[in-house]
N, C-alpha and C. Protein backbone atom coordinates (compact mmCIF):
# COMPACT_ATOMS: atom_id res chain seq x y z
N MET A 1 24.28 -26.04 -154.85
CA MET A 1 25.05 -24.95 -155.53
C MET A 1 26.55 -25.53 -155.45
N GLY A 2 27.30 -25.29 -156.55
CA GLY A 2 28.69 -25.78 -156.70
C GLY A 2 29.58 -25.01 -155.73
N GLN A 3 30.77 -25.55 -155.53
CA GLN A 3 31.77 -25.01 -154.72
C GLN A 3 33.15 -25.15 -155.36
N PHE A 4 33.78 -24.06 -155.64
CA PHE A 4 35.17 -24.15 -156.18
C PHE A 4 36.12 -24.44 -155.12
N VAL A 5 37.13 -25.17 -155.43
CA VAL A 5 38.23 -25.46 -154.49
C VAL A 5 39.55 -25.28 -155.18
N ILE A 6 40.56 -24.96 -154.43
CA ILE A 6 41.88 -24.87 -154.88
C ILE A 6 42.70 -25.87 -154.09
N ALA A 7 43.10 -26.88 -154.76
CA ALA A 7 43.86 -27.98 -154.11
C ALA A 7 45.40 -27.88 -154.51
N CYS A 8 46.20 -28.12 -153.58
CA CYS A 8 47.66 -27.88 -153.75
C CYS A 8 48.33 -29.21 -153.35
N TYR A 9 49.09 -29.78 -154.34
CA TYR A 9 49.69 -31.08 -154.20
C TYR A 9 51.17 -30.86 -154.35
N LYS A 10 51.98 -31.12 -153.25
CA LYS A 10 53.40 -30.96 -153.39
C LYS A 10 53.99 -32.39 -153.63
N PRO A 11 54.59 -32.57 -154.82
CA PRO A 11 55.00 -33.91 -155.12
C PRO A 11 56.11 -34.41 -154.16
N LYS A 12 56.05 -35.71 -153.83
CA LYS A 12 57.11 -36.34 -153.14
C LYS A 12 58.32 -36.50 -154.08
N PRO A 13 59.61 -36.52 -153.53
CA PRO A 13 60.76 -36.61 -154.39
C PRO A 13 60.62 -37.76 -155.44
N GLY A 14 60.82 -37.35 -156.73
CA GLY A 14 60.80 -38.32 -157.76
C GLY A 14 59.40 -38.78 -158.17
N LYS A 15 58.40 -38.12 -157.74
CA LYS A 15 56.93 -38.58 -157.89
C LYS A 15 56.15 -37.64 -158.67
N GLU A 16 56.71 -36.54 -159.25
CA GLU A 16 55.97 -35.57 -160.09
C GLU A 16 55.07 -36.29 -161.19
N ALA A 17 55.78 -37.13 -162.00
CA ALA A 17 55.02 -37.70 -163.06
C ALA A 17 53.87 -38.55 -162.64
N GLY A 18 54.01 -39.33 -161.51
CA GLY A 18 52.90 -40.03 -161.03
C GLY A 18 51.79 -39.11 -160.46
N LEU A 19 52.24 -37.97 -159.95
CA LEU A 19 51.25 -36.99 -159.34
C LEU A 19 50.50 -36.50 -160.53
N LEU A 20 51.17 -36.07 -161.60
CA LEU A 20 50.47 -35.47 -162.77
C LEU A 20 49.40 -36.51 -163.37
N GLN A 21 49.72 -37.85 -163.32
CA GLN A 21 48.83 -38.75 -163.85
C GLN A 21 47.67 -38.92 -162.94
N VAL A 22 47.82 -38.92 -161.64
CA VAL A 22 46.67 -38.97 -160.78
C VAL A 22 45.79 -37.65 -160.96
N VAL A 23 46.41 -36.49 -161.05
CA VAL A 23 45.63 -35.29 -161.27
C VAL A 23 44.87 -35.36 -162.59
N LYS A 24 45.44 -35.92 -163.56
CA LYS A 24 44.79 -36.17 -164.90
C LYS A 24 43.47 -36.97 -164.72
N GLU A 25 43.60 -37.98 -163.90
CA GLU A 25 42.46 -38.89 -163.74
C GLU A 25 41.43 -38.45 -162.62
N HIS A 26 41.84 -37.49 -161.78
CA HIS A 26 41.05 -37.03 -160.65
C HIS A 26 39.63 -36.58 -161.01
N LEU A 27 39.55 -35.54 -161.94
CA LEU A 27 38.20 -35.02 -162.21
C LEU A 27 37.31 -36.01 -162.95
N PRO A 28 37.86 -36.74 -163.94
CA PRO A 28 36.99 -37.77 -164.60
C PRO A 28 36.35 -38.66 -163.55
N ILE A 29 37.09 -39.15 -162.48
CA ILE A 29 36.51 -39.99 -161.51
C ILE A 29 35.48 -39.27 -160.72
N LEU A 30 35.76 -37.98 -160.33
CA LEU A 30 34.76 -37.27 -159.52
C LEU A 30 33.46 -37.03 -160.40
N ARG A 31 33.61 -36.77 -161.69
CA ARG A 31 32.49 -36.54 -162.59
C ARG A 31 31.73 -37.87 -162.78
N GLN A 32 32.43 -38.94 -162.89
CA GLN A 32 31.80 -40.21 -163.14
C GLN A 32 30.91 -40.62 -161.90
N GLU A 33 31.47 -40.20 -160.67
CA GLU A 33 30.61 -40.42 -159.50
C GLU A 33 29.57 -39.37 -159.16
N LYS A 34 29.44 -38.35 -160.18
CA LYS A 34 28.48 -37.22 -160.00
C LYS A 34 28.80 -36.33 -158.92
N LEU A 35 30.09 -36.09 -158.59
CA LEU A 35 30.51 -35.28 -157.43
C LEU A 35 31.12 -34.02 -157.91
N ALA A 36 31.56 -33.88 -159.12
CA ALA A 36 32.18 -32.63 -159.64
C ALA A 36 31.41 -32.16 -160.87
N THR A 37 31.45 -30.88 -161.11
CA THR A 37 30.68 -30.32 -162.25
C THR A 37 31.42 -30.50 -163.54
N SER A 38 30.83 -30.15 -164.63
CA SER A 38 31.52 -30.26 -165.95
C SER A 38 32.31 -29.00 -166.27
N ARG A 39 32.33 -28.04 -165.39
CA ARG A 39 33.10 -26.86 -165.65
C ARG A 39 34.61 -27.25 -165.87
N PRO A 40 35.26 -26.59 -166.77
CA PRO A 40 36.70 -26.83 -166.96
C PRO A 40 37.54 -26.60 -165.68
N SER A 41 38.52 -27.44 -165.37
CA SER A 41 39.37 -27.28 -164.28
C SER A 41 40.64 -26.54 -164.85
N HIS A 42 41.42 -26.09 -163.94
CA HIS A 42 42.71 -25.41 -164.25
C HIS A 42 43.81 -26.07 -163.37
N THR A 43 44.82 -26.40 -164.05
CA THR A 43 45.98 -27.01 -163.33
C THR A 43 47.22 -26.21 -163.61
N MET A 44 48.01 -25.96 -162.59
CA MET A 44 49.26 -25.12 -162.79
C MET A 44 50.30 -25.58 -161.80
N ARG A 45 51.56 -25.03 -161.92
CA ARG A 45 52.66 -25.35 -161.15
C ARG A 45 53.18 -24.11 -160.44
N GLY A 46 53.50 -24.25 -159.14
CA GLY A 46 54.07 -23.14 -158.43
C GLY A 46 55.61 -23.19 -158.51
N LYS A 47 56.21 -22.09 -158.03
CA LYS A 47 57.79 -21.98 -158.07
C LYS A 47 58.38 -23.12 -157.40
N ASP A 48 57.75 -23.64 -156.37
CA ASP A 48 58.46 -24.71 -155.61
C ASP A 48 58.06 -26.09 -156.07
N GLY A 49 57.34 -26.18 -157.30
CA GLY A 49 56.97 -27.52 -157.84
C GLY A 49 55.57 -28.03 -157.47
N THR A 50 54.95 -27.28 -156.55
CA THR A 50 53.62 -27.66 -156.07
C THR A 50 52.67 -27.63 -157.32
N ILE A 51 51.80 -28.62 -157.47
CA ILE A 51 50.79 -28.60 -158.50
C ILE A 51 49.54 -28.09 -157.85
N ILE A 52 48.91 -27.10 -158.52
CA ILE A 52 47.67 -26.53 -158.08
C ILE A 52 46.58 -26.89 -159.00
N GLU A 53 45.42 -27.30 -158.42
CA GLU A 53 44.30 -27.69 -159.30
C GLU A 53 43.01 -26.92 -158.78
N VAL A 54 42.39 -26.30 -159.72
CA VAL A 54 41.19 -25.53 -159.34
C VAL A 54 40.03 -26.29 -160.03
N PHE A 55 39.01 -26.70 -159.29
CA PHE A 55 37.84 -27.35 -159.84
C PHE A 55 36.68 -27.03 -159.01
N GLU A 56 35.50 -27.50 -159.52
CA GLU A 56 34.15 -27.25 -158.85
C GLU A 56 33.50 -28.55 -158.51
N TRP A 57 33.29 -28.68 -157.19
CA TRP A 57 32.40 -29.75 -156.64
C TRP A 57 30.96 -29.43 -156.98
N GLU A 58 30.11 -30.48 -157.07
CA GLU A 58 28.76 -30.25 -157.35
C GLU A 58 28.00 -29.46 -156.22
N SER A 59 28.37 -29.78 -154.98
CA SER A 59 27.80 -29.13 -153.77
C SER A 59 28.61 -29.58 -152.57
N ALA A 60 28.20 -28.96 -151.46
CA ALA A 60 28.75 -29.38 -150.13
C ALA A 60 28.43 -30.73 -149.83
N GLU A 61 27.25 -31.25 -150.18
CA GLU A 61 26.80 -32.55 -149.98
C GLU A 61 27.65 -33.58 -150.85
N ALA A 62 28.15 -33.16 -151.97
CA ALA A 62 29.00 -33.96 -152.86
C ALA A 62 30.32 -34.20 -152.20
N ILE A 63 30.82 -33.15 -151.61
CA ILE A 63 32.16 -33.27 -150.90
C ILE A 63 32.01 -34.26 -149.69
N ALA A 64 30.88 -34.09 -149.01
CA ALA A 64 30.62 -35.12 -147.89
C ALA A 64 30.54 -36.54 -148.46
N ALA A 65 29.85 -36.69 -149.50
CA ALA A 65 29.66 -38.06 -150.16
C ALA A 65 30.94 -38.60 -150.56
N ALA A 66 31.89 -37.73 -151.06
CA ALA A 66 33.16 -38.21 -151.57
C ALA A 66 33.89 -39.02 -150.43
N HIS A 67 33.75 -38.54 -149.26
CA HIS A 67 34.43 -39.15 -148.01
C HIS A 67 33.92 -40.57 -147.76
N LYS A 68 32.81 -41.00 -148.42
CA LYS A 68 32.23 -42.26 -148.20
C LYS A 68 32.37 -43.15 -149.47
N ASN A 69 32.81 -42.58 -150.57
CA ASN A 69 32.81 -43.24 -151.87
C ASN A 69 34.05 -44.06 -152.07
N PRO A 70 33.99 -45.34 -152.19
CA PRO A 70 35.18 -46.19 -152.29
C PRO A 70 36.08 -45.84 -153.50
N ASN A 71 35.47 -45.45 -154.68
CA ASN A 71 36.29 -45.08 -155.83
C ASN A 71 37.06 -43.86 -155.55
N VAL A 72 36.51 -42.90 -154.81
CA VAL A 72 37.18 -41.66 -154.52
C VAL A 72 38.25 -41.87 -153.50
N ILE A 73 37.97 -42.69 -152.51
CA ILE A 73 39.02 -42.97 -151.48
C ILE A 73 40.15 -43.68 -152.07
N ALA A 74 39.89 -44.54 -153.02
CA ALA A 74 41.06 -45.24 -153.64
C ALA A 74 41.86 -44.23 -154.45
N MET A 75 41.24 -43.36 -155.10
CA MET A 75 41.95 -42.33 -155.92
C MET A 75 42.76 -41.39 -154.91
N TRP A 76 42.15 -40.96 -153.72
CA TRP A 76 42.80 -40.19 -152.77
C TRP A 76 44.09 -40.96 -152.19
N ASN A 77 43.96 -42.23 -152.03
CA ASN A 77 45.11 -43.04 -151.65
C ASN A 77 46.22 -42.99 -152.59
N ARG A 78 45.93 -42.93 -153.88
CA ARG A 78 46.90 -42.75 -154.90
C ARG A 78 47.65 -41.39 -154.70
N PHE A 79 46.82 -40.36 -154.42
CA PHE A 79 47.40 -39.05 -154.18
C PHE A 79 48.41 -39.16 -153.00
N ASN A 80 48.04 -39.78 -151.94
CA ASN A 80 48.87 -39.86 -150.75
C ASN A 80 50.18 -40.57 -151.08
N ASP A 81 50.29 -41.47 -152.10
CA ASP A 81 51.49 -42.13 -152.43
C ASP A 81 52.47 -41.23 -153.14
N VAL A 82 51.96 -40.16 -153.83
CA VAL A 82 52.85 -39.35 -154.69
C VAL A 82 52.99 -37.92 -154.24
N CYS A 83 52.21 -37.46 -153.26
CA CYS A 83 52.29 -36.06 -152.77
C CYS A 83 51.87 -35.85 -151.40
N ASP A 84 52.14 -34.63 -150.93
CA ASP A 84 51.58 -34.12 -149.64
C ASP A 84 50.64 -33.05 -150.13
N ILE A 85 49.44 -33.00 -149.44
CA ILE A 85 48.47 -31.89 -149.63
C ILE A 85 48.95 -30.66 -148.80
N VAL A 86 49.06 -29.60 -149.42
CA VAL A 86 49.56 -28.41 -148.65
C VAL A 86 48.50 -27.28 -148.73
N LYS A 87 48.60 -26.36 -147.92
CA LYS A 87 47.70 -25.21 -147.90
C LYS A 87 48.19 -24.10 -148.96
N LEU A 88 47.21 -23.52 -149.54
CA LEU A 88 47.50 -22.40 -150.47
C LEU A 88 48.38 -21.39 -149.81
N VAL A 89 48.09 -21.04 -148.67
CA VAL A 89 48.82 -19.93 -147.96
C VAL A 89 50.34 -20.31 -147.77
N ASP A 90 50.71 -21.59 -147.81
CA ASP A 90 52.08 -21.97 -147.73
C ASP A 90 52.82 -21.85 -148.94
N LEU A 91 52.21 -21.59 -150.10
CA LEU A 91 52.96 -21.37 -151.40
C LEU A 91 53.64 -20.05 -151.45
N PRO A 92 54.79 -19.92 -151.92
CA PRO A 92 55.47 -18.59 -151.92
C PRO A 92 54.64 -17.50 -152.74
N GLU A 93 53.90 -17.99 -153.77
CA GLU A 93 53.06 -17.02 -154.54
C GLU A 93 51.95 -16.36 -153.73
N SER A 94 51.48 -17.07 -152.64
CA SER A 94 50.36 -16.51 -151.94
C SER A 94 50.73 -15.11 -151.26
N LYS A 95 52.00 -14.84 -151.19
CA LYS A 95 52.31 -13.58 -150.66
C LYS A 95 52.45 -12.43 -151.56
N ASP A 96 52.26 -12.80 -152.89
CA ASP A 96 52.24 -11.79 -154.02
C ASP A 96 50.84 -11.19 -154.19
N MET A 97 50.84 -9.86 -154.52
CA MET A 97 49.55 -9.27 -154.76
C MET A 97 48.70 -10.00 -155.81
N PHE A 98 49.43 -10.41 -156.86
CA PHE A 98 48.74 -11.21 -157.94
C PHE A 98 49.59 -12.45 -158.09
N ALA A 99 49.19 -13.54 -157.44
CA ALA A 99 49.91 -14.76 -157.54
C ALA A 99 49.88 -15.31 -158.98
N GLY A 100 51.07 -15.70 -159.48
CA GLY A 100 51.12 -16.21 -160.86
C GLY A 100 51.69 -17.58 -160.76
N PHE A 101 51.19 -18.44 -161.67
CA PHE A 101 51.63 -19.90 -161.73
C PHE A 101 51.80 -20.23 -163.15
N GLU A 102 52.59 -21.34 -163.33
CA GLU A 102 52.85 -21.93 -164.70
C GLU A 102 51.76 -22.81 -165.14
N PRO A 103 51.04 -22.54 -166.24
CA PRO A 103 49.99 -23.46 -166.62
C PRO A 103 50.47 -24.85 -167.03
N ILE A 104 49.71 -25.83 -166.71
CA ILE A 104 49.94 -27.23 -167.08
C ILE A 104 48.82 -27.73 -167.98
N GLU A 105 49.12 -28.40 -169.09
CA GLU A 105 48.20 -29.06 -169.87
C GLU A 105 48.32 -30.51 -169.54
N LEU A 106 47.22 -31.08 -169.18
CA LEU A 106 47.17 -32.53 -168.82
C LEU A 106 46.67 -33.34 -170.03
């Protein structure tokens, strides 16, 4: 069974363009490795510039397999170069009854 996730990427100073490029390539890599579903993802920006990505993993097993997959690990290292991963609860919008974000087209 699939599992939706909400990933929050806070760009490092001057690295937003690089972060958007990695986010654009993220899902195609996971799909190529048969780790993410073909469901459309959604990408948006928070008030503080954090990029939020919502997508669906194939399964809990796929998430575990990603942690051993060299192609995924290489991509995650690229994320580490351009952003810090933050918790959804740390975004200002998480305190709103209906959190709203700016849509991003990749």
